Amino acid sequence: MKTESVYVREMYAIIEAVKKWRQYLLGRRFKIITDQQSLQHLLTQDLHTPEQQK
């Protein structure tokens, strides 16, 4: 099993945080702040792997 890249680990951390706080976030605008440069531009990227496309 290979170690996941920092990009993937940060992405999973954000997903898990949003899932955990979902009940408080539903119906509200919120901003996710990260220092991971590649994730800061997530909406403008081409997503190639199935994990990124989820």
N, C-alpha and C. Protein backbone atom coordinates (compact mmCIF):
# COMPACT_ATOMS: atom_id res chain seq x y z
N MET A 1 0.84 -1.18 0.00
CA MET A 1 0.00 0.00 0.00
C MET A 1 0.89 1.24 0.00
N LYS A 2 0.66 2.12 -0.94
CA LYS A 2 1.49 3.32 -1.01
C LYS A 2 0.91 4.42 -0.13
N THR A 3 1.77 5.30 0.28
CA THR A 3 1.36 6.44 1.09
C THR A 3 0.67 7.45 0.19
N GLU A 4 -0.44 7.99 0.66
CA GLU A 4 -1.17 8.98 -0.13
C GLU A 4 -0.40 10.30 -0.18
N SER A 5 -0.59 11.05 -1.24
CA SER A 5 0.07 12.34 -1.36
C SER A 5 -0.54 13.34 -0.38
N VAL A 6 0.18 14.41 -0.15
CA VAL A 6 -0.31 15.46 0.75
C VAL A 6 -1.63 16.01 0.23
N TYR A 7 -1.72 16.18 -1.09
CA TYR A 7 -2.94 16.68 -1.72
C TYR A 7 -4.14 15.82 -1.34
N VAL A 8 -3.99 14.51 -1.47
CA VAL A 8 -5.09 13.58 -1.19
C VAL A 8 -5.43 13.58 0.29
N ARG A 9 -4.42 13.58 1.15
CA ARG A 9 -4.68 13.59 2.60
C ARG A 9 -5.40 14.86 3.03
N GLU A 10 -5.00 16.01 2.47
CA GLU A 10 -5.66 17.28 2.79
C GLU A 10 -7.10 17.25 2.28
N MET A 11 -7.30 16.71 1.08
CA MET A 11 -8.65 16.65 0.52
C MET A 11 -9.55 15.78 1.39
N TYR A 12 -9.05 14.62 1.83
CA TYR A 12 -9.83 13.75 2.70
C TYR A 12 -10.14 14.42 4.04
N ALA A 13 -9.19 15.17 4.56
CA ALA A 13 -9.40 15.87 5.83
C ALA A 13 -10.52 16.90 5.70
N ILE A 14 -10.56 17.60 4.59
CA ILE A 14 -11.63 18.58 4.36
C ILE A 14 -12.97 17.87 4.22
N ILE A 15 -13.00 16.79 3.47
CA ILE A 15 -14.24 16.04 3.29
C ILE A 15 -14.77 15.53 4.62
N GLU A 16 -13.90 14.96 5.43
CA GLU A 16 -14.32 14.43 6.73
C GLU A 16 -14.79 15.55 7.66
N ALA A 17 -14.13 16.69 7.62
CA ALA A 17 -14.55 17.82 8.46
C ALA A 17 -15.93 18.31 8.06
N VAL A 18 -16.18 18.42 6.76
CA VAL A 18 -17.49 18.88 6.28
C VAL A 18 -18.57 17.86 6.65
N LYS A 19 -18.26 16.57 6.54
CA LYS A 19 -19.22 15.53 6.95
C LYS A 19 -19.55 15.65 8.43
N LYS A 20 -18.52 15.85 9.25
CA LYS A 20 -18.72 15.92 10.69
C LYS A 20 -19.58 17.11 11.08
N TRP A 21 -19.37 18.26 10.44
CA TRP A 21 -20.07 19.49 10.79
C TRP A 21 -21.26 19.77 9.87
N ARG A 22 -21.66 18.78 9.08
CA ARG A 22 -22.72 18.93 8.08
C ARG A 22 -23.98 19.56 8.64
N GLN A 23 -24.41 19.11 9.81
CA GLN A 23 -25.67 19.61 10.38
C GLN A 23 -25.60 21.12 10.65
N TYR A 24 -24.44 21.64 10.91
CA TYR A 24 -24.28 23.07 11.16
C TYR A 24 -24.05 23.86 9.88
N LEU A 25 -23.59 23.19 8.84
CA LEU A 25 -23.25 23.86 7.60
C LEU A 25 -24.41 23.89 6.60
N LEU A 26 -25.35 22.96 6.71
CA LEU A 26 -26.46 22.90 5.76
C LEU A 26 -27.22 24.22 5.72
N GLY A 27 -27.44 24.71 4.51
CA GLY A 27 -28.20 25.93 4.33
C GLY A 27 -27.41 27.20 4.59
N ARG A 28 -26.12 27.07 4.85
CA ARG A 28 -25.29 28.24 5.12
C ARG A 28 -24.13 28.29 4.13
N ARG A 29 -23.71 29.49 3.85
CA ARG A 29 -22.50 29.66 3.05
C ARG A 29 -21.31 29.54 3.98
N PHE A 30 -20.29 28.85 3.54
CA PHE A 30 -19.08 28.75 4.34
C PHE A 30 -17.88 28.67 3.42
N LYS A 31 -16.74 29.02 3.97
CA LYS A 31 -15.50 29.03 3.21
C LYS A 31 -14.53 28.06 3.84
N ILE A 32 -13.90 27.27 3.02
CA ILE A 32 -12.85 26.36 3.48
C ILE A 32 -11.52 27.02 3.19
N ILE A 33 -10.72 27.18 4.23
CA ILE A 33 -9.41 27.81 4.08
C ILE A 33 -8.34 26.75 4.28
N THR A 34 -7.43 26.67 3.33
CA THR A 34 -6.33 25.71 3.40
C THR A 34 -5.05 26.35 2.89
N ASP A 35 -3.93 25.87 3.38
CA ASP A 35 -2.64 26.37 2.88
C ASP A 35 -2.10 25.48 1.76
N GLN A 36 -2.85 24.46 1.41
CA GLN A 36 -2.45 23.56 0.32
C GLN A 36 -2.80 24.24 -1.00
N GLN A 37 -1.80 24.74 -1.72
CA GLN A 37 -2.02 25.52 -2.94
C GLN A 37 -2.88 24.80 -3.97
N SER A 38 -2.65 23.52 -4.15
CA SER A 38 -3.40 22.79 -5.18
C SER A 38 -4.88 22.69 -4.83
N LEU A 39 -5.21 22.63 -3.55
CA LEU A 39 -6.62 22.56 -3.15
C LEU A 39 -7.29 23.93 -3.21
N GLN A 40 -6.51 25.00 -3.12
CA GLN A 40 -7.09 26.33 -3.19
C GLN A 40 -7.71 26.59 -4.55
N HIS A 41 -7.26 25.88 -5.56
CA HIS A 41 -7.77 26.07 -6.92
C HIS A 41 -8.53 24.83 -7.40
N LEU A 42 -9.12 24.13 -6.47
CA LEU A 42 -9.79 22.86 -6.76
C LEU A 42 -10.89 23.01 -7.81
N LEU A 43 -11.68 24.06 -7.73
CA LEU A 43 -12.81 24.20 -8.65
C LEU A 43 -12.38 24.52 -10.08
N THR A 44 -11.15 24.96 -10.28
CA THR A 44 -10.69 25.28 -11.63
C THR A 44 -9.79 24.19 -12.21
N GLN A 45 -9.61 23.09 -11.48
CA GLN A 45 -8.73 22.01 -11.93
C GLN A 45 -9.48 20.97 -12.74
N ASP A 46 -8.73 20.27 -13.58
CA ASP A 46 -9.25 19.06 -14.21
C ASP A 46 -9.00 17.93 -13.22
N LEU A 47 -10.04 17.21 -12.84
CA LEU A 47 -9.91 16.12 -11.88
C LEU A 47 -9.80 14.81 -12.64
N HIS A 48 -8.69 14.11 -12.45
CA HIS A 48 -8.41 12.93 -13.25
C HIS A 48 -8.65 11.60 -12.53
N THR A 49 -8.43 11.56 -11.23
CA THR A 49 -8.58 10.29 -10.52
C THR A 49 -9.99 10.18 -9.94
N PRO A 50 -10.48 8.97 -9.75
CA PRO A 50 -11.81 8.80 -9.16
C PRO A 50 -11.94 9.44 -7.78
N GLU A 51 -10.86 9.44 -6.99
CA GLU A 51 -10.91 10.04 -5.66
C GLU A 51 -11.14 11.54 -5.75
N GLN A 52 -10.51 12.18 -6.73
CA GLN A 52 -10.67 13.62 -6.90
C GLN A 52 -12.06 13.97 -7.41
N GLN A 53 -12.68 13.08 -8.16
CA GLN A 53 -13.97 13.36 -8.78
C GLN A 53 -15.14 13.19 -7.83
N LYS A 54 -14.91 12.59 -6.66
CA LYS A 54 -16.01 12.36 -5.70
C LYS A 54 -16.52 13.62 -5.14
